[in-house]
Protein backbone atom coordinates (compact mmCIF):
# COMPACT_ATOMS: atom_id res chain seq x y z
CA UNK A 1 16.33 -19.26 7.37
CA UNK A 2 13.01 -21.14 7.43
CA UNK A 3 11.73 -22.63 4.18
CA UNK A 4 8.18 -22.07 2.96
CA UNK A 5 6.42 -23.57 -0.05
CA UNK A 6 4.69 -20.24 -0.82
CA UNK A 7 6.23 -16.99 0.38
CA UNK A 8 6.65 -13.28 -0.26
CA UNK A 9 10.26 -12.11 -0.14
CA UNK A 10 10.66 -8.45 0.85
CA UNK A 11 13.85 -6.48 0.20
CA UNK A 12 13.86 -3.85 2.94
CA UNK A 13 16.92 -2.10 1.51
CA UNK A 14 14.92 -1.34 -1.64
CA UNK A 15 12.11 0.18 0.43
CA UNK A 16 14.60 2.45 2.19
CA UNK A 17 16.21 3.38 -1.14
CA UNK A 18 12.80 4.14 -2.66
CA UNK A 19 11.92 6.42 0.25
CA UNK A 20 15.19 8.32 -0.19
CA UNK A 21 14.75 8.54 -3.97
CA UNK A 22 11.21 9.92 -3.62
CA UNK A 23 12.42 12.36 -0.97
CA UNK A 24 15.11 13.72 -3.27
CA UNK A 25 12.67 14.08 -6.14
CA UNK A 26 9.96 15.98 -4.22
CA UNK A 27 12.29 18.05 -2.00
CA UNK A 28 11.64 20.34 -0.21
CA UNK A 29 8.28 18.60 0.21
CA UNK A 30 8.13 15.89 2.86
CA UNK A 31 7.28 12.25 2.13
CA UNK A 32 4.52 10.47 4.06
CA UNK A 33 4.88 6.73 3.34
CA UNK A 34 1.54 4.91 3.41
CA UNK A 35 1.51 1.68 5.43
CA UNK A 36 -2.19 0.81 5.29
CA UNK A 37 -3.25 -2.72 4.43
CA UNK A 38 -0.22 -4.24 6.22
CA UNK A 39 2.06 -1.89 4.27
CA UNK A 40 0.48 -2.94 0.96
CA UNK A 41 0.98 -6.56 1.98
CA UNK A 42 4.69 -6.16 2.69
CA UNK A 43 4.34 -6.21 6.48
CA UNK A 44 3.81 -2.99 8.42
CA UNK A 45 6.12 -3.59 11.38
CA UNK A 46 9.25 -4.42 9.38
CA UNK A 47 8.55 -1.67 6.85
CA UNK A 48 7.95 0.96 9.54
CA UNK A 49 11.20 0.11 11.28
CA UNK A 50 13.28 0.39 8.13
CA UNK A 51 11.58 3.65 7.15
CA UNK A 52 12.34 5.20 10.54
CA UNK A 53 15.97 4.18 10.03
CA UNK A 54 15.85 5.84 6.60
CA UNK A 55 14.67 9.12 8.13
CA UNK A 56 10.87 9.05 7.84
CA UNK A 57 9.15 11.41 10.29
CA UNK A 58 5.61 10.82 8.99
CA UNK A 59 3.59 7.69 8.19
CA UNK A 60 -0.03 7.10 7.22
CA UNK A 61 -2.39 4.20 7.85
CA UNK A 62 -6.12 3.67 7.37
CA UNK A 63 -7.33 2.30 10.70
CA UNK A 64 -6.71 2.89 14.38
CA UNK A 65 -5.62 -0.73 14.88
CA UNK A 66 -3.01 -0.30 12.13
CA UNK A 67 -1.62 2.74 13.95
CA UNK A 68 -1.66 0.90 17.29
CA UNK A 69 0.35 -1.92 15.75
CA UNK A 70 3.10 0.53 14.79
CA UNK A 71 3.12 2.07 18.27
CA UNK A 72 3.31 -1.40 19.85
CA UNK A 73 6.25 -2.15 17.56
CA UNK A 74 8.13 0.83 18.95
CA UNK A 75 7.42 3.66 16.50
CA UNK A 76 7.81 6.75 18.70
CA UNK A 77 4.87 9.11 18.14
CA UNK A 78 6.94 11.86 19.70
CA UNK A 79 9.25 11.66 16.68
CA UNK A 80 7.02 10.20 13.95
CA UNK A 81 3.54 11.47 13.11
CA UNK A 82 1.31 8.46 12.45
CA UNK A 83 -1.77 9.68 10.56
CA UNK A 84 -5.04 7.73 10.39
CA UNK A 85 -6.49 8.67 7.00
CA UNK A 86 -10.03 7.25 7.10
CA UNK A 87 -13.03 7.66 9.38
CA UNK A 88 -12.35 7.92 13.11
CA UNK A 89 -15.32 8.11 15.46
CA UNK A 90 -15.12 10.02 18.76
CA UNK A 91 -14.10 7.00 20.88
CA UNK A 92 -11.35 6.22 18.39
CA UNK A 93 -10.18 9.84 18.31
CA UNK A 94 -9.86 9.77 22.11
CA UNK A 95 -7.85 6.54 22.07
CA UNK A 96 -5.64 7.76 19.24
CA UNK A 97 -4.97 11.02 21.05
CA UNK A 98 -3.94 9.16 24.19
CA UNK A 99 -1.34 7.28 22.12
CA UNK A 100 -0.11 10.39 20.31
CA UNK A 101 -1.58 9.25 16.99
CA UNK A 102 -3.04 11.90 14.66
CA UNK A 103 -6.11 11.59 12.47
CA UNK A 104 -7.94 13.30 9.62
CA UNK A 105 -10.74 15.53 10.92
CA UNK A 106 -13.48 15.83 8.26
CA UNK A 107 -16.21 17.97 9.80
CA UNK A 108 -16.97 20.71 12.36
CA UNK A 109 -18.41 18.46 15.13
CA UNK A 110 -15.23 16.36 15.18
CA UNK A 111 -13.02 19.44 15.02
CA UNK A 112 -14.87 20.84 18.02
CA UNK A 113 -14.56 17.48 19.77
CA UNK A 114 -10.78 17.47 19.24
CA UNK A 115 -10.52 20.95 20.75
CA UNK A 116 -12.60 19.84 23.74
CA UNK A 117 -10.54 16.68 24.11
CA UNK A 118 -7.30 18.66 24.01
CA UNK A 119 -8.46 20.83 26.92
CA UNK A 120 -8.80 17.68 29.05
CA UNK A 121 -5.68 15.90 27.80
CA UNK A 122 -2.27 15.84 29.45
CA UNK A 123 -0.58 15.86 26.04
CA UNK A 124 -1.11 17.79 22.79
CA UNK A 125 -3.73 16.31 20.46
CA UNK A 126 -2.43 16.33 16.88
CA UNK A 127 -4.71 16.24 13.86
CA UNK A 128 -4.92 16.96 10.12
CA UNK A 129 -7.84 18.69 8.40
CA UNK A 130 -9.30 16.65 5.52
CA UNK A 131 -10.86 18.46 2.55
CA UNK A 132 -13.18 16.89 -0.05
CA UNK A 133 -12.06 18.58 -3.28
CA UNK A 134 -13.93 16.34 -5.68
CA UNK A 135 -14.18 12.69 -4.63
CA UNK A 136 -17.34 12.89 -2.53
CA UNK A 137 -15.62 10.93 0.18
CA UNK A 138 -14.25 12.11 3.54
CA UNK A 139 -13.68 15.77 4.32
CA UNK A 140 -14.90 19.33 4.64
CA UNK A 141 -16.50 20.81 1.55
CA UNK A 142 -14.44 23.67 0.06
CA UNK A 143 -17.00 26.33 0.99
CA UNK A 144 -16.60 25.41 4.68
CA UNK A 145 -13.13 26.97 4.76
CA UNK A 146 -14.25 30.14 6.62
CA UNK A 147 -15.84 28.09 9.43
CA UNK A 148 -12.71 25.94 9.67
CA UNK A 149 -10.52 29.02 9.80
CA UNK A 150 -12.65 30.39 12.65
CA UNK A 151 -12.40 27.14 14.63
CA UNK A 152 -8.64 26.99 14.14
CA UNK A 153 -8.07 30.44 15.63
CA UNK A 154 -8.33 29.06 19.15
CA UNK A 155 -6.94 25.54 19.34
CA UNK A 156 -5.67 25.55 22.88
CA UNK A 157 -3.45 22.48 23.26
CA UNK A 158 -4.76 20.87 20.08
CA UNK A 159 -2.17 20.92 17.30
CA UNK A 160 -2.86 21.25 13.58
CA UNK A 161 -0.22 19.10 11.87
CA UNK A 162 -1.50 19.16 8.31
CA UNK A 163 -4.24 19.89 5.80
CA UNK A 164 -4.83 17.23 3.15
CA UNK A 165 -7.04 16.15 0.28
CA UNK A 166 -6.91 13.38 -2.31
CA UNK A 167 -6.92 13.36 -6.11
CA UNK A 168 -9.43 11.10 -7.80
CA UNK A 169 -7.54 10.40 -11.05
CA UNK A 170 -3.96 11.58 -10.62
CA UNK A 171 -2.40 8.86 -12.80
CA UNK A 172 -3.91 10.45 -15.93
CA UNK A 173 -3.89 14.01 -17.24
CA UNK A 174 -7.40 15.38 -16.72
CA UNK A 175 -8.99 18.70 -15.92
CA UNK A 176 -10.45 17.10 -12.79
CA UNK A 177 -7.06 17.00 -11.03
CA UNK A 178 -6.44 20.66 -11.85
CA UNK A 179 -9.89 21.57 -10.50
CA UNK A 180 -9.21 19.67 -7.30
CA UNK A 181 -5.85 21.38 -6.91
CA UNK A 182 -7.42 24.80 -7.35
CA UNK A 183 -10.17 24.05 -4.81
CA UNK A 184 -7.59 22.79 -2.35
CA UNK A 185 -5.34 25.80 -2.79
CA UNK A 186 -8.27 28.12 -2.22
CA UNK A 187 -9.30 26.25 0.95
CA UNK A 188 -5.75 26.45 2.29
CA UNK A 189 -5.48 30.16 1.45
CA UNK A 190 -8.66 30.90 3.43
CA UNK A 191 -7.53 28.85 6.42
CA UNK A 192 -4.08 30.45 6.15
CA UNK A 193 -2.14 27.94 8.27
CA UNK A 194 1.27 28.64 9.79
CA UNK A 195 4.30 27.60 7.68
CA UNK A 196 5.00 24.47 9.72
CA UNK A 197 1.60 22.94 8.87
CA UNK A 198 2.01 20.26 6.18
CA UNK A 199 -0.20 20.84 3.12
CA UNK A 200 -0.58 17.55 1.23
CA UNK A 201 -2.62 16.59 -1.81
CA UNK A 202 -0.63 14.19 -4.01
CA UNK A 203 -0.50 10.43 -3.53
CA UNK A 204 1.70 8.21 -5.72
CA UNK A 205 0.05 9.16 -9.02
CA UNK A 206 0.29 12.87 -8.38
CA UNK A 207 3.86 12.51 -7.17
CA UNK A 208 4.86 11.07 -10.55
CA UNK A 209 2.47 12.73 -12.98
CA UNK A 210 1.63 16.12 -11.44
CA UNK A 211 4.65 17.83 -9.84
CA UNK A 212 2.65 21.01 -9.22
CA UNK A 213 0.61 19.06 -6.62
CA UNK A 214 3.61 18.20 -4.43
CA UNK A 215 3.04 21.23 -2.15
CA UNK A 216 4.26 20.62 1.43
CA UNK A 217 4.18 16.82 1.38
CA UNK A 218 3.24 13.80 -0.71
CA UNK A 219 1.69 10.54 0.47
CA UNK A 220 3.28 7.58 -1.29
CA UNK A 221 1.85 4.10 -1.12
CA UNK A 222 2.83 2.09 -4.19
CA UNK A 223 5.95 4.15 -4.92
CA UNK A 224 7.38 3.31 -1.50
CA UNK A 225 7.37 -0.35 -2.50
CA UNK A 226 8.66 0.23 -6.03
CA UNK A 227 5.18 -0.14 -7.53
CA UNK A 228 4.23 2.46 -10.13
CA UNK A 229 1.08 2.24 -12.24
CA UNK A 230 2.53 4.91 -14.56
CA UNK A 231 5.11 3.12 -16.78
CA UNK A 232 7.59 5.99 -16.85
CA UNK A 233 9.10 7.37 -13.64
CA UNK A 234 11.20 10.49 -13.00
CA UNK A 235 12.88 8.80 -10.03
CA UNK A 236 14.74 5.53 -9.52
CA UNK A 237 12.49 2.94 -7.91
CA UNK A 238 13.34 -0.64 -7.00
CA UNK A 239 10.76 -3.40 -6.59
CA UNK A 240 10.70 -4.55 -2.99
CA UNK A 241 8.64 -7.71 -3.44
CA UNK A 242 9.18 -11.12 -4.96
CA UNK A 243 6.27 -13.54 -4.66
CA UNK A 244 7.01 -17.24 -5.14
CA UNK A 245 5.36 -20.60 -4.80
CA UNK A 246 6.08 -24.20 -5.84
CA UNK A 247 4.83 -26.78 -8.32
CA UNK A 248 2.57 -29.11 -6.33
CA UNK A 249 1.34 -31.56 -8.98
CA UNK A 250 1.82 -32.11 -12.70
CA UNK A 251 -0.64 -33.83 -15.00
CA UNK A 252 -1.77 -33.99 -18.61
CA UNK A 253 -5.47 -33.27 -19.01
CA UNK A 254 -7.32 -35.01 -21.88
CA UNK A 255 -9.64 -33.32 -24.41
CA UNK A 256 -13.08 -32.67 -22.94
CA UNK A 257 -11.76 -32.31 -19.38
CA UNK A 258 -13.01 -29.35 -17.33
CA UNK A 259 -10.63 -27.03 -15.43
CA UNK A 260 -11.61 -25.47 -12.13
CA UNK A 261 -15.07 -24.51 -10.91
CA UNK A 262 -17.88 -24.30 -13.44
CA UNK A 263 -18.06 -25.88 -16.86
CA UNK A 264 -16.88 -23.08 -19.12
CA UNK A 265 -13.20 -24.13 -19.28
CA UNK A 266 -12.99 -27.28 -21.36
CA UNK A 267 -9.70 -28.69 -22.59
CA UNK A 268 -9.69 -28.87 -26.41
CA UNK A 269 -6.46 -30.84 -26.83
CA UNK A 270 -4.11 -32.59 -24.38
CA UNK A 271 -2.75 -29.98 -21.95
CA UNK A 272 0.12 -30.30 -19.50
CA UNK A 273 -0.72 -28.41 -16.31
CA UNK A 274 0.71 -27.71 -12.88
CA UNK A 275 -1.27 -27.10 -9.73
CA UNK A 276 0.36 -24.63 -7.32
CA UNK A 277 -0.57 -23.83 -3.69
CA UNK A 278 -1.53 -20.17 -4.14
CA UNK A 279 -5.12 -19.17 -4.76
CA UNK A 280 -7.66 -16.40 -4.36
CA UNK A 281 -6.89 -15.83 -0.67
CA UNK A 282 -3.28 -15.42 -1.74
CA UNK A 283 -3.82 -12.78 -4.41
CA UNK A 284 -4.50 -15.03 -7.41
CA UNK A 285 -8.09 -14.10 -8.20
CA UNK A 286 -10.31 -16.15 -10.56
CA UNK A 287 -10.85 -13.16 -12.88
CA UNK A 288 -7.11 -13.11 -13.61
CA UNK A 289 -7.42 -16.41 -15.52
CA UNK A 290 -6.22 -16.07 -19.11
CA UNK A 291 -4.68 -12.67 -18.32
CA UNK A 292 -1.99 -13.44 -15.74
CA UNK A 293 1.19 -15.45 -16.22
CA UNK A 294 3.58 -17.12 -13.79
CA UNK A 295 7.19 -18.06 -14.47
CA UNK A 296 8.31 -21.70 -14.47
CA UNK A 297 11.76 -22.70 -15.77
CA UNK A 298 12.10 -19.09 -16.92
CA UNK A 299 9.03 -19.45 -19.20
CA UNK A 300 5.80 -17.45 -19.00
CA UNK A 301 2.99 -19.89 -18.15
CA UNK A 302 -0.63 -18.82 -18.49
CA UNK A 303 -2.93 -18.91 -15.47
CA UNK A 304 -5.88 -21.16 -16.34
CA UNK A 305 -7.99 -20.85 -13.19
CA UNK A 306 -7.80 -20.40 -9.44
CA UNK A 307 -9.79 -21.47 -6.39
CA UNK A 308 -9.48 -20.26 -2.83
CA UNK A 309 -6.22 -22.06 -2.11
CA UNK A 310 -4.71 -23.24 -5.39
CA UNK A 311 -4.21 -22.30 -9.02
CA UNK A 312 -3.69 -24.21 -12.26
CA UNK A 313 -1.23 -23.05 -14.91
CA UNK A 314 -0.41 -24.25 -18.41
CA UNK A 315 3.19 -25.55 -18.42
CA UNK A 316 3.11 -27.04 -21.92
CA UNK A 317 5.98 -24.79 -23.10
CA UNK A 318 8.04 -24.87 -19.90
CA UNK A 319 10.08 -27.98 -20.66
CA UNK A 320 11.01 -30.47 -17.97
CA UNK A 321 9.03 -29.31 -14.95
CA UNK A 322 9.15 -31.30 -11.71
CA UNK A 323 7.16 -31.26 -8.49
CA UNK A 324 8.95 -28.87 -6.13
CA UNK A 325 10.18 -26.49 -8.85
CA UNK A 326 9.95 -22.79 -8.11
CA UNK A 327 7.06 -20.76 -9.54
CA UNK A 328 7.36 -16.97 -9.66
CA UNK A 329 4.15 -14.94 -9.33
CA UNK A 330 5.92 -11.57 -9.04
CA UNK A 331 9.63 -11.29 -9.72
CA UNK A 332 12.34 -12.51 -12.06
CA UNK A 333 13.24 -15.97 -13.26
CA UNK A 334 15.65 -16.45 -16.14
CA UNK A 335 15.26 -13.64 -18.67
CA UNK A 336 11.66 -12.79 -17.82
CA UNK A 337 10.14 -10.65 -15.09
CA UNK A 338 6.54 -10.48 -13.90
CA UNK A 339 6.17 -6.99 -12.47
CA UNK A 340 3.64 -5.92 -9.88
CA UNK A 341 2.16 -3.63 -12.51
CA UNK A 342 1.63 -6.53 -14.96
CA UNK A 343 0.04 -8.82 -12.38
CA UNK A 344 -2.05 -6.27 -10.51
CA UNK A 345 -2.88 -3.30 -12.74
CA UNK A 346 -3.05 -5.18 -16.05
CA UNK A 347 -4.14 -8.73 -15.15
CA UNK A 348 -6.23 -8.02 -12.07
CA UNK A 349 -7.42 -4.49 -12.94
CA UNK A 350 -7.14 -3.42 -9.30
CA UNK A 351 -4.86 -1.09 -7.34
CA UNK A 352 -1.62 -2.13 -5.68
CA UNK A 353 -2.86 -1.59 -2.16
CA UNK A 354 -6.24 -3.19 -2.81
CA UNK A 355 -4.63 -6.31 -4.27
CA UNK A 356 -1.56 -6.83 -2.09
CA UNK A 357 -3.34 -5.73 1.08
CA UNK A 358 -5.81 -8.60 0.62
CA UNK A 359 -3.18 -11.32 0.52
CA UNK A 360 -3.64 -13.47 3.60
CA UNK A 361 -0.97 -13.41 6.29
CA UNK A 362 -0.93 -17.19 6.02
CA UNK A 363 1.60 -16.41 3.30
CA UNK A 364 4.85 -15.72 5.20
CA UNK A 365 6.71 -12.49 4.51
CA UNK A 366 10.46 -13.20 4.47
CA UNK A 367 12.67 -10.14 5.03
CA UNK A 368 16.12 -9.34 3.71
CA UNK A 369 18.25 -6.42 4.88
CA UNK A 370 21.83 -5.64 3.95
CA UNK A 371 21.65 -8.67 1.66
CA UNK A 372 20.91 -11.08 4.51
CA UNK A 373 17.91 -12.78 6.07
CA UNK A 374 16.44 -10.36 8.65
CA UNK A 375 13.27 -12.06 9.88
CA UNK A 376 9.83 -13.26 8.93
CA UNK A 377 6.17 -12.72 9.71
CA UNK A 378 3.11 -14.90 9.24
CA UNK A 379 -0.13 -15.38 11.09
CA UNK A 380 1.49 -17.90 13.43
CA UNK A 381 4.94 -16.44 14.07
CA UNK A 382 7.18 -13.39 13.85
CA UNK A 383 10.92 -13.15 14.25
CA UNK A 384 13.76 -10.75 13.62
CA UNK A 385 12.85 -7.33 12.28
CA UNK A 386 9.16 -8.25 12.10
CA UNK A 387 8.86 -9.33 15.75
CA UNK A 388 6.72 -7.11 17.97
């Protein structure tokens, strides 16, 4: 197995187990794992392959290129519905249809375009209707249901796979989620789809917090990877990711010394620090300083600052630290664990997908399956389960 100074280690068995655990919990609803943002930074190709092995028949991404990557990696669109969830323009809809990829249709002109495209296509054109139930984002407005129902009466060779919407605040109990659910149910009742059409509203938050929103399917991003912003969980989830780097330099900074960019971080008394080769491009953002901790020698060490490519941590309580020692950004070392929720939701105040999806592919993803090394992916090489 290749060695890397900074790396993300991905346990593919845990991803498969999480998918099965979610599936049992929401049954008979289907599970649509979300693989946008390079599968929340875990690596879309390897994750897609293990999910297909685990029985997934639906997947969701955000962009056409993300869907094309999965098709190029061998995901069979005849057996797995790959849904593009964000905006697709007519040229993209045509290309997606040619590859057997489905997409959210948010308005009447695009619905009419899909029907026209299907009449000229040699294969069925699959699509999902998207409804805006209260986010002001993509989708038909609820009062457009009668027009949608009329358009859906004559689809020709176009195929309605699903009808979906999205909750704006599903991780908390609010009246807004209930209002969205009611609007969505009314829209679906007017359209009156056939039983095989998937009706899906809940993402990860709704899956955990709002069981009444499960309906025909749930779309799970963070939960698929063992990431849950709600502390309690009604299902067993296993973290799939460990994120590690290495001590690059150790020094003791004197009083009056400045740390990082700017002049607002002045050392008040002698401070022993370590510089590590993971910075803002690698998911260690400057605003996490003073809030995030890394593990060194099994001790929680406070993040002092970060730049684009490196970070500085306080190792004054970590004992005998040496250059080359392991530093854990997410994961377990000794008796402490830094969870994805602590680093991302609490310290970074962002979402799992937003944070992990931004981590540069210069950080290699190292894959383990059945307890053994199964491959790797970075921006210069792929091998094993991650190879295209």
